[in-house]
């Protein structure tokens, strides 16, 4: 049985969690927001050296959007940092996109791609954590900072991706914790997880319950 938790706090201060997830950029460089905080807490120099040692090739260091890699957690109170690259939300159509309905369809397709990539960032992180032998994982709200993914939609994607993955693919993960920066993100995730739990736990074929959720009061 996997337990899902939602807390408001600092993802670098989760000492009971095996692996924390970094909202990484595709070059796996120190950044702002969650990424910058994780690098500083782990130790910028040693984390940067580990990234280059493990993942640098002739073309430099990179990670595809929707995918993830891992490093030791170094000075953080965890075993691993999983660096997951979320999508940049295609927020505003360009002048070219506004020409006709076909161009608008192009924007819709890009948004659907971003949705699939965000779901993949969550699911692939859980799968990697499971491979690493982790029993617990903590996530930030991936892509909702400077990458501009709308928080309500991001919460829905995260809730569905995580609930499906822990039931279908990673039952060995015992605890998934969402660490929210603010109250609004926390409330959005709670609502999204309730909806996702109903859809995943009580499908038409009466799948046995395998998930425990912190339902809002």
Protein backbone atom coordinates (compact mmCIF):
# COMPACT_ATOMS: atom_id res chain seq x y z
CA UNK A 1 0.00 0.00 0.00
CA UNK A 2 1.31 3.43 -0.93
CA UNK A 3 0.54 6.46 1.20
CA UNK A 4 0.29 9.89 -0.41
CA UNK A 5 0.97 12.96 1.71
CA UNK A 6 0.69 16.67 1.00
CA UNK A 7 2.59 19.16 3.14
CA UNK A 8 3.51 22.81 2.89
CA UNK A 9 7.21 23.33 3.49
CA UNK A 10 10.79 23.06 2.26
CA UNK A 11 11.70 20.08 0.11
CA UNK A 12 15.31 20.28 1.32
CA UNK A 13 14.09 19.57 4.86
CA UNK A 14 12.57 16.09 4.51
CA UNK A 15 14.95 13.85 6.53
CA UNK A 16 12.60 10.82 6.53
CA UNK A 17 12.50 10.63 2.71
CA UNK A 18 14.86 8.41 0.69
CA UNK A 19 14.82 10.47 -2.51
CA UNK A 20 13.76 14.03 -3.22
CA UNK A 21 12.94 15.18 -6.73
CA UNK A 22 14.56 18.27 -8.19
CA UNK A 23 12.63 20.36 -10.73
CA UNK A 24 15.65 20.36 -13.02
CA UNK A 25 16.43 22.16 -16.26
CA UNK A 26 17.46 20.22 -19.34
CA UNK A 27 21.15 21.12 -18.91
CA UNK A 28 21.08 19.88 -15.29
CA UNK A 29 22.58 23.16 -14.13
CA UNK A 30 21.99 25.06 -10.86
CA UNK A 31 18.98 27.28 -11.35
CA UNK A 32 16.52 29.31 -9.35
CA UNK A 33 13.56 28.27 -7.23
CA UNK A 34 13.46 24.63 -6.12
CA UNK A 35 16.45 23.72 -8.28
CA UNK A 36 18.65 26.40 -6.77
CA UNK A 37 17.56 25.52 -3.22
CA UNK A 38 18.38 21.84 -3.74
CA UNK A 39 21.79 22.61 -5.23
CA UNK A 40 22.67 24.91 -2.34
CA UNK A 41 21.51 22.44 0.30
CA UNK A 42 23.32 19.51 -1.31
CA UNK A 43 26.46 21.54 -2.01
CA UNK A 44 26.68 23.26 -5.39
CA UNK A 45 30.22 22.22 -6.27
CA UNK A 46 29.89 18.56 -5.34
CA UNK A 47 26.49 18.15 -6.96
CA UNK A 48 27.69 19.86 -10.12
CA UNK A 49 30.79 17.63 -10.24
CA UNK A 50 28.65 14.53 -9.80
CA UNK A 51 26.33 15.57 -12.64
CA UNK A 52 29.27 16.11 -14.98
CA UNK A 53 31.02 12.91 -13.94
CA UNK A 54 27.93 10.77 -14.38
CA UNK A 55 26.19 12.36 -17.37
CA UNK A 56 28.56 14.49 -19.43
CA UNK A 57 29.38 13.30 -22.95
CA UNK A 58 30.89 14.88 -26.06
CA UNK A 59 27.85 17.13 -26.41
CA UNK A 60 27.90 18.25 -22.78
CA UNK A 61 25.31 17.50 -20.10
CA UNK A 62 21.63 17.23 -20.91
CA UNK A 63 18.44 15.39 -20.00
CA UNK A 64 15.35 15.11 -22.17
CA UNK A 65 12.15 16.80 -21.06
CA UNK A 66 9.98 14.30 -19.22
CA UNK A 67 12.96 12.17 -18.21
CA UNK A 68 15.16 12.08 -15.11
CA UNK A 69 18.57 11.10 -13.74
CA UNK A 70 19.87 10.69 -10.20
CA UNK A 71 22.82 11.69 -8.04
CA UNK A 72 23.79 11.20 -4.42
CA UNK A 73 22.14 13.73 -2.11
CA UNK A 74 25.45 14.79 -0.52
CA UNK A 75 24.73 17.31 2.28
CA UNK A 76 20.96 16.82 2.10
CA UNK A 77 19.40 14.46 4.68
CA UNK A 78 18.38 12.00 1.94
CA UNK A 79 19.96 9.19 -0.06
CA UNK A 80 19.34 10.49 -3.57
CA UNK A 81 18.31 13.49 -5.60
CA UNK A 82 16.30 12.62 -8.70
CA UNK A 83 16.63 15.38 -11.28
CA UNK A 84 13.40 15.45 -13.33
CA UNK A 85 13.03 17.80 -16.30
CA UNK A 86 9.54 19.21 -16.64
CA UNK A 87 8.15 21.01 -19.70
CA UNK A 88 7.97 24.72 -20.36
CA UNK A 89 4.31 25.63 -20.76
CA UNK A 90 3.55 27.09 -24.22
CA UNK A 91 1.50 29.89 -22.73
CA UNK A 92 1.00 32.51 -25.43
CA UNK A 93 0.39 31.83 -29.12
CA UNK A 94 2.71 33.73 -31.43
CA UNK A 95 1.44 35.97 -34.22
CA UNK A 96 1.98 33.02 -36.56
CA UNK A 97 -0.23 30.84 -34.35
CA UNK A 98 -3.07 33.36 -34.53
CA UNK A 99 -3.41 33.24 -38.29
CA UNK A 100 -6.14 30.62 -38.36
CA UNK A 101 -7.61 27.60 -36.61
CA UNK A 102 -4.87 25.33 -37.92
CA UNK A 103 -2.28 27.39 -36.08
CA UNK A 104 -4.37 27.26 -32.92
CA UNK A 105 -4.45 23.49 -33.25
CA UNK A 106 -0.65 23.63 -33.25
CA UNK A 107 -0.74 25.40 -29.89
CA UNK A 108 -3.14 22.80 -28.53
CA UNK A 109 -0.84 20.01 -29.67
CA UNK A 110 2.10 21.65 -27.93
CA UNK A 111 0.09 21.89 -24.73
CA UNK A 112 -0.89 18.23 -24.97
CA UNK A 113 2.78 17.37 -25.46
CA UNK A 114 3.66 19.39 -22.35
CA UNK A 115 1.00 17.46 -20.41
CA UNK A 116 2.48 14.12 -21.47
CA UNK A 117 5.98 15.32 -20.60
CA UNK A 118 4.93 16.49 -17.15
CA UNK A 119 3.20 13.18 -16.43
CA UNK A 120 6.34 11.38 -17.59
CA UNK A 121 8.55 13.44 -15.27
CA UNK A 122 6.51 12.23 -12.30
CA UNK A 123 6.16 8.61 -13.38
CA UNK A 124 9.77 8.20 -14.48
CA UNK A 125 10.96 9.65 -11.17
CA UNK A 126 8.94 7.07 -9.26
CA UNK A 127 10.21 4.25 -11.45
CA UNK A 128 13.82 5.37 -10.98
CA UNK A 129 13.33 5.66 -7.22
CA UNK A 130 11.94 2.15 -7.15
CA UNK A 131 14.93 0.83 -9.13
CA UNK A 132 17.24 2.55 -6.63
CA UNK A 133 15.53 0.72 -3.77
CA UNK A 134 13.83 3.78 -2.33
CA UNK A 135 10.69 3.39 -0.25
CA UNK A 136 9.82 7.08 -0.07
CA UNK A 137 9.92 9.99 -2.54
CA UNK A 138 9.18 13.70 -2.18
CA UNK A 139 8.11 15.88 -5.10
CA UNK A 140 7.90 19.62 -5.62
CA UNK A 141 5.31 21.06 -8.00
CA UNK A 142 7.32 20.45 -11.17
CA UNK A 143 7.16 23.11 -13.92
CA UNK A 144 4.86 25.49 -12.02
CA UNK A 145 7.56 28.09 -11.32
CA UNK A 146 9.42 29.91 -14.07
CA UNK A 147 8.36 27.22 -16.55
CA UNK A 148 4.84 28.61 -16.28
CA UNK A 149 2.70 25.48 -16.15
CA UNK A 150 -0.74 26.50 -14.80
CA UNK A 151 -0.86 25.24 -11.19
CA UNK A 152 -4.36 23.76 -11.33
CA UNK A 153 -3.63 21.79 -14.49
CA UNK A 154 -0.23 20.75 -13.16
CA UNK A 155 -1.85 19.42 -9.98
CA UNK A 156 -4.26 17.31 -12.01
CA UNK A 157 -1.44 15.85 -14.11
CA UNK A 158 0.71 15.14 -11.05
CA UNK A 159 -2.14 13.46 -9.15
CA UNK A 160 -3.10 11.18 -12.03
CA UNK A 161 0.48 10.27 -12.96
CA UNK A 162 1.49 9.43 -9.39
CA UNK A 163 -1.60 7.43 -8.45
CA UNK A 164 -1.44 5.35 -11.62
CA UNK A 165 2.30 4.75 -11.33
CA UNK A 166 2.33 3.62 -7.71
CA UNK A 167 -0.52 1.21 -8.33
CA UNK A 168 0.46 -0.15 -11.73
CA UNK A 169 4.27 0.03 -11.71
CA UNK A 170 5.89 0.85 -8.36
CA UNK A 171 3.93 -0.78 -5.50
CA UNK A 172 7.23 -0.99 -3.59
CA UNK A 173 7.12 2.78 -3.03
CA UNK A 174 5.51 3.12 0.38
CA UNK A 175 5.27 6.91 0.68
CA UNK A 176 4.97 9.72 -1.85
CA UNK A 177 5.04 13.21 -0.37
CA UNK A 178 4.15 16.37 -2.26
CA UNK A 179 5.99 19.31 -0.69
CA UNK A 180 4.17 22.51 -1.62
CA UNK A 181 5.63 25.99 -1.56
CA UNK A 182 2.34 27.71 -0.72
CA UNK A 183 -1.19 27.05 0.47
CA UNK A 184 -2.76 27.44 -2.96
CA UNK A 185 -0.61 24.64 -4.42
CA UNK A 186 -1.41 22.45 -1.41
CA UNK A 187 -5.16 22.94 -1.84
CA UNK A 188 -5.01 22.30 -5.58
CA UNK A 189 -3.14 19.05 -5.05
CA UNK A 190 -5.50 17.85 -2.34
CA UNK A 191 -8.49 18.40 -4.60
CA UNK A 192 -6.77 16.76 -7.57
CA UNK A 193 -5.73 13.73 -5.54
CA UNK A 194 -9.26 13.14 -4.29
CA UNK A 195 -10.56 13.12 -7.87
CA UNK A 196 -7.70 10.91 -9.03
CA UNK A 197 -8.21 8.48 -6.14
CA UNK A 198 -11.85 7.98 -7.04
CA UNK A 199 -11.01 7.37 -10.69
CA UNK A 200 -8.08 5.04 -9.98
CA UNK A 201 -9.35 3.18 -6.92
CA UNK A 202 -12.94 2.65 -8.00
CA UNK A 203 -12.90 1.92 -11.73
CA UNK A 204 -15.63 -0.07 -13.42
CA UNK A 205 -13.79 -3.36 -12.88
CA UNK A 206 -13.74 -2.86 -9.07
CA UNK A 207 -9.96 -2.88 -8.63
CA UNK A 208 -8.96 -3.57 -5.02
CA UNK A 209 -7.99 -0.50 -3.00
CA UNK A 210 -4.22 -0.02 -2.81
CA UNK A 211 -3.83 3.66 -2.00
CA UNK A 212 -4.21 5.79 1.14
CA UNK A 213 -4.87 9.50 0.69
CA UNK A 214 -4.93 12.54 3.00
CA UNK A 215 -8.46 13.64 2.16
CA UNK A 216 -9.16 17.31 2.94
CA UNK A 217 -11.25 18.08 5.95
